[in-house]
Every structure is written in C-alpha cells, then in structure tokens.
Amino acid sequence: MKTVVLDGFAVNPGDLNWDFLGEFGSYTVYDRSNEDEVASRIGDADIVITNRMHITEDVLDKCPNLKFISAFGTGYDMINVPACRARGIEVCNIPGYSTSSVSQFAFSLMLAVSTRTDLFRKAVLDGTWTGRADFAYQNIPYVELENKTVGVYGCGAIGMRFAKLCSAFGMRVLAYRRSAQGGNVDGIEFTDRDTLLRESDFVSIHCPLTDETRGLVNSEFLSKMKKGAYLINTSRGAVINEADLYTALTDGTLAGAGIDVMVSEPPKKDNPLLKLDNCIITPHAAWVSREARLRLIDVLCKNIRSFIDSGEGINKVF
C-alpha cells in the first residue's frame, strides 16, 4: 500500500512522528499542499489522509487507485463522500479524539468573553491601572457565570462534555439536538431551538457542518437570542454567517462572541470581525493539544490497520 498525507503540519508540526505509516507500506508526508497540487501529489496512492485539502470528484477521477481516504479529524466536509461511495472508496473520520480539548477550549472562550481578563491585563500593561489611584474597573465588562443559562446547540460528545463543565460552574444548561426534543439528562435540559435561543445568556455551537447547518447562525437565528447574550463557536466557521454576526455584535443584539473557527482560514486581514473589541477570535486551535493529537494518530492507525486487515475501517462514515 502507498499512503500520502496531504497536509500534516497542523497535526504534527514536528513534536510527533509518522513512523506508524511504515507499517502499511511506503508513505509520503507533505506538511502543506495547495488545492491545485492535490491530484498530482496523490498520484497512484492507495490511501490518502487530508486535514483541509479537498478531495473532489475531479481529484478522484485523476486518482483511480485510491481505496481509502481519512479525514485528519472529526469533520469530513472537505471530502466528496457521495463520489467516493460511487467509486467504492472507503471514507473514515477520527471521532472522539478531541472531546476533552475542544470542550475545554469552548469553556475557556466563554470565560474569556464573560470575564475579559485580556482587558484587565491590558490595563496593567499599558499603565492604566498603575497610573491611576481610582482605576475604573466597571469600564471592563465582567459577568459571573453562576446562575446564568447556557444553551448547547448540538449536544454530541463534545457538547455533553462542555455542558458538564458549565454545570460544575453552577449554570443552568439547556441543550438542543434533533434526536432529543425534551427531557433531563444529568441536569441538562433538552429543549427546542427557539426556547434555547430565547432563554440562554450564552449559546455555544457544537454541531457538524452539513448542508442543513451551513449558515445556520444568521440574522434570523441571532434575532431569536436573548438581547445581550454571548455566542461561542468551536465547530466549523461556515456554520456562521459572518456578516450577520458582525451586525449583531455592532447593533447591540449580542454583547460579545468567542469564535475559534471562521469561514475562511486564515481570515483576510480586512475581515471586519477582526476589528471588534467584543469579538474574541482564536486561530482554530481548540483541537491542537498534544494529548488530542496523539489520540488522533492512534485512532488513524487503527482505522488504516482495520481497513487493510478486514476491508473496512473502524470509523467508516457511510
């Protein structure tokens, strides 16, 4: 078997190794690729692993030897799954590896937008605090989480872990997912979408990117949120309509937002969200703890080994 990794730098910037791939035959690892290099770099490979490079129908036509494609993570929206299915190519993802890391990061974004330690630190560094005897703390927003309501939109493994963190802070937790319209699980209240948006002081997005969720957080969604609420997103950037989010953050609909993912990554320098003081943006980093990346590689290895041994990966997506 011949394996090609199209864009391995994010998963392994040098602190891990690729030796496990040698178990399956020859392999080539590219730190980064451009979209127009994908087909030529795959060539006659049997296995391809991609982080963000798109595996399109055109790529599949040019690479007829492909038998197995793996996403370098949970999301696989960059892979044309129906076209792979039509060609008998197996597609796997790597679920569960980042549950602890992403839920922790989402919670840290909620702490960041509610506590604004960045602004308190800035007041120290720029001399505002040390230069005044009567520093005006009230000029920096600081909101307690206890007794506030958080809405978890998309309550899978990561959403459930995030919900438990919120419960530990004394928050009321509402959750929405299509498979559970009501009921209470471990103190988490499952409810309908509109109730969650109307009653939540914080809304955290944890749903996958699909045709149904693309642009989900738009003007209509935002208008149903409690006025002055906060939005957190660690799922996929395209779940949010960024123009509508900008409007909500500047007209007072939302008090703030903490987002780790954007529609275009990295974003263009003139993206207006980058200029907002009430929008904390991080560089799609929720999943990159070393612990999570080690788990990712372990699951990837098991998927490939299972496919070679049995003709089917463990985490087949269709």
Protein backbone atom coordinates (compact mmCIF):
# COMPACT_ATOMS: atom_id res chain seq x y z
CA MET A 1 0.00 0.00 0.00
CA LYS A 2 1.10 3.55 -0.74
CA THR A 3 -0.01 6.34 1.59
CA VAL A 4 0.04 10.11 1.05
CA VAL A 5 -0.54 12.71 3.76
CA LEU A 6 -1.54 15.96 2.05
CA ASP A 7 -1.27 18.46 4.89
CA GLY A 8 0.21 17.01 8.05
CA PHE A 9 1.78 20.09 9.63
CA ALA A 10 -1.19 21.05 11.81
CA VAL A 11 -1.38 17.57 13.32
CA ASN A 12 2.37 17.07 13.56
CA PRO A 13 4.42 20.27 13.40
CA GLY A 14 7.46 18.25 14.50
CA ASP A 15 6.70 17.06 18.01
CA LEU A 16 5.25 13.70 16.89
CA ASN A 17 6.34 11.27 14.18
CA TRP A 18 4.91 9.43 11.20
CA ASP A 19 6.70 6.11 11.73
CA PHE A 20 3.42 4.23 12.18
CA LEU A 21 2.61 4.72 8.50
CA GLY A 22 5.54 2.50 7.57
CA GLU A 23 3.56 -0.45 8.93
CA PHE A 24 1.28 -0.19 5.90
CA GLY A 25 3.88 0.25 3.15
CA SER A 26 5.55 3.28 1.60
CA TYR A 27 4.39 6.77 2.53
CA THR A 28 4.93 10.42 1.70
CA VAL A 29 4.07 13.24 4.07
CA TYR A 30 3.57 16.81 2.87
CA ASP A 31 3.42 19.46 5.56
CA ARG A 32 1.19 21.59 3.34
CA SER A 33 -0.41 21.39 -0.10
CA ASN A 34 -2.27 23.73 -2.39
CA GLU A 35 -5.60 22.69 -3.84
CA ASP A 36 -4.13 22.53 -7.36
CA GLU A 37 -1.45 20.07 -6.14
CA VAL A 38 -3.81 17.55 -4.56
CA ALA A 39 -4.32 15.19 -7.52
CA SER A 40 -0.69 15.16 -8.59
CA ARG A 41 0.54 14.52 -5.06
CA ILE A 42 -1.89 11.65 -4.53
CA GLY A 43 -0.92 10.11 -7.86
CA ASP A 44 -1.24 6.33 -7.68
CA ALA A 45 -1.57 6.18 -3.89
CA ASP A 46 -3.97 3.71 -2.28
CA ILE A 47 -4.52 5.74 0.89
CA VAL A 48 -4.78 9.49 1.32
CA ILE A 49 -5.10 11.46 4.54
CA THR A 50 -6.30 15.06 4.47
CA ASN A 51 -6.74 17.79 7.02
CA ARG A 52 -8.25 20.61 4.95
CA MET A 53 -7.40 19.80 1.35
CA HIS A 54 -10.50 18.99 -0.69
CA ILE A 55 -10.98 15.57 -2.26
CA THR A 56 -13.29 16.45 -5.13
CA GLU A 57 -14.82 14.36 -7.89
CA ASP A 58 -12.19 15.73 -10.26
CA VAL A 59 -9.42 14.58 -7.89
CA LEU A 60 -11.00 11.13 -7.67
CA ASP A 61 -11.15 10.86 -11.46
CA LYS A 62 -7.43 11.62 -11.67
CA CYS A 63 -6.50 9.17 -8.88
CA PRO A 64 -8.19 5.86 -9.83
CA ASN A 65 -6.04 3.78 -7.48
CA LEU A 66 -7.49 5.32 -4.31
CA LYS A 67 -9.08 2.82 -1.95
CA PHE A 68 -9.18 4.59 1.43
CA ILE A 69 -9.48 8.26 2.45
CA SER A 70 -9.29 9.53 6.00
CA ALA A 71 -10.05 12.96 7.37
CA PHE A 72 -7.50 14.21 9.86
CA GLY A 73 -10.21 14.75 12.45
CA THR A 74 -13.93 14.51 13.09
CA GLY A 75 -15.18 16.72 10.26
CA TYR A 76 -15.10 15.32 6.73
CA ASP A 77 -16.90 18.06 4.80
CA MET A 78 -13.77 18.51 2.63
CA ILE A 79 -14.32 15.03 1.13
CA ASN A 80 -16.92 14.36 -1.57
CA VAL A 81 -18.39 11.34 0.19
CA PRO A 82 -21.09 10.51 -2.41
CA ALA A 83 -18.48 10.45 -5.18
CA CYS A 84 -16.28 8.18 -3.05
CA ARG A 85 -19.22 5.88 -2.37
CA ALA A 86 -19.97 5.62 -6.09
CA ARG A 87 -16.37 4.52 -6.69
CA GLY A 88 -16.21 2.08 -3.80
CA ILE A 89 -13.66 4.19 -1.91
CA GLU A 90 -13.91 3.92 1.86
CA VAL A 91 -14.00 7.17 3.86
CA CYS A 92 -13.24 7.30 7.58
CA ASN A 93 -13.01 10.08 10.09
CA ILE A 94 -11.49 10.26 13.58
CA PRO A 95 -14.20 10.98 16.14
CA GLY A 96 -13.72 11.44 19.85
CA TYR A 97 -10.02 12.31 19.90
CA SER A 98 -10.55 15.99 20.80
CA THR A 99 -13.58 15.84 23.08
CA SER A 100 -11.68 16.96 26.18
CA SER A 101 -9.62 19.58 24.38
CA VAL A 102 -12.44 21.22 22.40
CA SER A 103 -14.89 21.29 25.31
CA GLN A 104 -12.18 22.86 27.49
CA PHE A 105 -11.39 25.41 24.81
CA ALA A 106 -15.06 26.28 24.30
CA PHE A 107 -15.38 26.83 28.03
CA SER A 108 -12.24 28.99 28.02
CA LEU A 109 -13.80 31.17 25.29
CA MET A 110 -16.91 31.55 27.42
CA LEU A 111 -14.72 32.58 30.34
CA ALA A 112 -12.83 34.97 28.07
CA VAL A 113 -15.93 36.81 26.83
CA SER A 114 -17.56 36.91 30.26
CA THR A 115 -14.51 37.80 32.37
CA ARG A 116 -12.38 39.76 29.87
CA THR A 117 -9.08 39.04 31.57
CA ASP A 118 -7.49 40.26 28.34
CA LEU A 119 -8.73 43.78 29.03
CA PHE A 120 -7.73 43.67 32.70
CA ARG A 121 -4.24 42.53 31.65
CA LYS A 122 -4.10 45.30 29.04
CA ALA A 123 -4.92 47.84 31.75
CA VAL A 124 -1.88 46.64 33.70
CA LEU A 125 0.48 46.52 30.71
CA ASP A 126 -0.43 49.92 29.27
CA GLY A 127 -0.17 51.68 32.64
CA THR A 128 -3.87 52.48 33.03
CA TRP A 129 -4.07 50.71 36.39
CA THR A 130 -0.72 51.72 37.84
CA GLY A 131 -1.15 55.29 36.65
CA ARG A 132 -4.42 55.94 38.49
CA ALA A 133 -5.41 55.74 42.14
CA ASP A 134 -9.07 55.29 41.21
CA PHE A 135 -8.93 52.85 38.30
CA ALA A 136 -12.46 52.36 36.93
CA TYR A 137 -12.94 48.59 36.99
CA GLN A 138 -16.55 48.98 35.93
CA ASN A 139 -15.41 50.08 32.46
CA ILE A 140 -14.43 46.47 31.74
CA PRO A 141 -17.34 44.01 31.39
CA TYR A 142 -17.22 41.17 33.89
CA VAL A 143 -20.14 38.74 34.12
CA GLU A 144 -20.50 35.90 36.62
CA LEU A 145 -21.35 32.51 35.12
CA GLU A 146 -23.07 31.11 38.19
CA ASN A 147 -26.88 31.11 37.82
CA LYS A 148 -26.63 32.13 34.16
CA THR A 149 -28.18 29.96 31.44
CA VAL A 150 -26.06 28.40 28.72
CA GLY A 151 -27.52 26.85 25.58
CA VAL A 152 -25.59 23.99 23.98
CA TYR A 153 -26.58 23.77 20.32
CA GLY A 154 -25.62 20.31 19.10
CA CYS A 155 -25.14 18.07 22.10
CA GLY A 156 -22.94 15.20 20.96
CA ALA A 157 -19.85 14.06 22.84
CA ILE A 158 -18.16 17.48 22.87
CA GLY A 159 -21.39 19.32 23.63
CA MET A 160 -22.16 16.98 26.52
CA ARG A 161 -18.68 17.41 27.99
CA PHE A 162 -18.97 21.19 27.65
CA ALA A 163 -22.40 21.06 29.31
CA LYS A 164 -20.96 19.22 32.31
CA LEU A 165 -18.26 21.87 32.71
CA CYS A 166 -20.97 24.53 32.72
CA SER A 167 -22.99 22.62 35.31
CA ALA A 168 -19.94 22.50 37.57
CA PHE A 169 -19.89 26.30 37.50
CA GLY A 170 -23.47 26.46 38.73
CA MET A 171 -25.02 27.29 35.37
CA ARG A 172 -28.42 26.20 34.13
CA VAL A 173 -27.79 24.15 30.99
CA LEU A 174 -30.21 23.94 28.06
CA ALA A 175 -29.39 21.71 25.10
CA TYR A 176 -30.75 21.15 21.62
CA ARG A 177 -30.24 18.24 19.28
CA ARG A 178 -32.60 16.78 16.75
CA SER A 179 -32.76 13.38 18.43
CA ALA A 180 -33.86 14.75 21.82
CA GLN A 181 -36.54 17.44 21.92
CA GLY A 182 -37.20 17.16 25.66
CA GLY A 183 -36.20 15.55 28.92
CA ASN A 184 -33.47 15.97 31.50
CA VAL A 185 -30.17 14.10 31.43
CA ASP A 186 -27.72 14.61 34.31
CA GLY A 187 -29.13 18.08 34.93
CA ILE A 188 -29.07 19.05 31.24
CA GLU A 189 -32.46 20.21 30.00
CA PHE A 190 -33.15 19.22 26.40
CA THR A 191 -35.48 21.67 24.71
CA ASP A 192 -36.47 23.09 21.34
CA ARG A 193 -34.32 25.51 19.40
CA ASP A 194 -36.35 28.67 19.98
CA THR A 195 -36.58 28.13 23.74
CA LEU A 196 -32.83 27.60 23.92
CA LEU A 197 -32.12 30.81 22.00
CA ARG A 198 -34.68 32.86 23.90
CA GLU A 199 -33.57 31.86 27.40
CA SER A 200 -29.79 31.45 27.10
CA ASP A 201 -27.27 34.05 28.24
CA PHE A 202 -24.60 32.12 26.34
CA VAL A 203 -25.09 29.94 23.26
CA SER A 204 -22.30 27.53 22.32
CA ILE A 205 -22.35 25.86 18.89
CA HIS A 206 -21.27 22.20 18.70
CA CYS A 207 -22.90 20.88 15.52
CA PRO A 208 -21.15 19.47 12.44
CA LEU A 209 -21.06 21.36 9.15
CA THR A 210 -23.70 19.95 6.81
CA ASP A 211 -25.95 21.37 4.10
CA GLU A 212 -28.50 21.91 6.86
CA THR A 213 -26.18 23.74 9.27
CA ARG A 214 -24.23 25.84 6.75
CA GLY A 215 -25.10 29.47 7.55
CA LEU A 216 -27.24 28.30 10.48
CA VAL A 217 -26.27 31.25 12.67
CA ASN A 218 -27.77 34.01 10.55
CA SER A 219 -29.84 37.14 11.22
CA GLU A 220 -32.95 35.07 11.93
CA PHE A 221 -31.10 32.83 14.41
CA LEU A 222 -29.40 35.77 16.11
CA SER A 223 -32.60 37.78 16.39
CA LYS A 224 -34.12 34.97 18.47
CA MET A 225 -31.28 35.06 21.00
CA LYS A 226 -31.69 36.91 24.27
CA LYS A 227 -30.63 40.52 23.82
CA GLY A 228 -27.12 41.00 25.19
CA ALA A 229 -26.26 37.28 25.07
CA TYR A 230 -22.90 35.84 24.02
CA LEU A 231 -22.14 33.42 21.17
CA ILE A 232 -19.41 30.75 21.28
CA ASN A 233 -18.37 28.67 18.26
CA THR A 234 -15.76 25.92 18.16
CA SER A 235 -17.47 23.77 15.50
CA ARG A 236 -17.00 24.99 11.91
CA GLY A 237 -16.70 28.56 10.67
CA ALA A 238 -19.24 28.17 7.88
CA VAL A 239 -21.97 27.45 10.45
CA ILE A 240 -21.98 31.23 10.99
CA ASN A 241 -22.98 33.94 8.54
CA GLU A 242 -20.16 36.32 9.45
CA ALA A 243 -21.83 39.43 8.02
CA ASP A 244 -24.90 38.79 10.17
CA LEU A 245 -22.74 38.14 13.22
CA TYR A 246 -20.92 41.43 12.66
CA THR A 247 -24.25 43.28 12.55
CA ALA A 248 -25.42 41.58 15.76
CA LEU A 249 -22.19 42.49 17.55
CA THR A 250 -22.34 46.14 16.49
CA ASP A 251 -26.05 46.89 16.92
CA GLY A 252 -26.33 45.58 20.48
CA THR A 253 -28.11 42.32 19.69
CA LEU A 254 -25.16 40.40 21.16
CA ALA A 255 -22.83 41.51 23.94
CA GLY A 256 -19.95 39.51 22.55
CA ALA A 257 -18.68 36.41 20.80
CA GLY A 258 -15.82 33.96 21.15
CA ILE A 259 -15.03 32.04 17.97
CA ASP A 260 -12.25 29.60 17.17
CA VAL A 261 -13.30 28.91 13.58
CA MET A 262 -14.01 31.13 10.60
CA VAL A 263 -15.42 30.74 7.09
CA SER A 264 -12.03 31.43 5.51
CA GLU A 265 -8.96 30.33 7.43
CA PRO A 266 -6.82 32.20 7.96
CA PRO A 267 -9.24 35.11 7.52
CA LYS A 268 -8.46 38.02 5.27
CA LYS A 269 -6.91 40.97 7.08
CA ASP A 270 -9.87 43.19 6.22
CA ASN A 271 -12.43 40.84 7.81
CA PRO A 272 -14.46 43.29 9.94
CA LEU A 273 -14.84 40.80 12.80
CA LEU A 274 -11.10 41.12 13.48
CA LYS A 275 -11.57 44.77 14.40
CA LEU A 276 -14.28 44.30 17.03
CA ASP A 277 -13.35 44.61 20.71
CA ASN A 278 -16.28 42.39 21.71
CA CYS A 279 -15.31 39.51 19.41
CA ILE A 280 -12.51 37.26 20.67
CA ILE A 281 -11.09 35.18 17.81
CA THR A 282 -8.61 32.32 18.17
CA PRO A 283 -6.84 30.51 15.29
CA HIS A 284 -8.77 27.21 15.05
CA ALA A 285 -6.76 25.89 17.95
CA ALA A 286 -9.32 24.07 20.10
CA TRP A 287 -8.17 20.64 18.94
CA VAL A 288 -4.38 21.07 18.95
CA SER A 289 -3.36 19.93 22.43
CA ARG A 290 -0.61 17.33 22.22
CA GLU A 291 -2.82 14.84 24.05
CA ALA A 292 -5.56 15.21 21.44
CA ARG A 293 -3.15 14.89 18.53
CA LEU A 294 -1.65 11.71 19.98
CA ARG A 295 -5.14 10.23 20.27
CA LEU A 296 -5.85 11.30 16.69
CA ILE A 297 -2.82 9.45 15.35
CA ASP A 298 -3.66 6.37 17.41
CA VAL A 299 -7.23 6.21 16.00
CA LEU A 300 -5.98 6.90 12.47
CA CYS A 301 -3.54 4.00 12.75
CA LYS A 302 -6.30 1.66 13.97
CA ASN A 303 -8.60 2.75 11.13
CA ILE A 304 -5.99 2.01 8.46
CA ARG A 305 -4.98 -1.30 10.03
CA SER A 306 -8.62 -2.39 10.22
CA PHE A 307 -9.18 -1.45 6.57
CA ILE A 308 -6.14 -3.39 5.40
CA ASP A 309 -6.96 -6.43 7.54
CA SER A 310 -10.73 -6.58 7.01
CA GLY A 311 -11.54 -4.25 4.12
CA GLU A 312 -13.40 -1.88 6.43
CA GLY A 313 -12.24 0.91 8.72
CA ILE A 314 -13.47 1.26 12.28
CA ASN A 315 -14.87 4.76 11.80
CA LYS A 316 -16.50 4.44 8.41
CA VAL A 317 -18.65 7.48 7.61
CA PHE A 318 -21.01 5.70 5.17
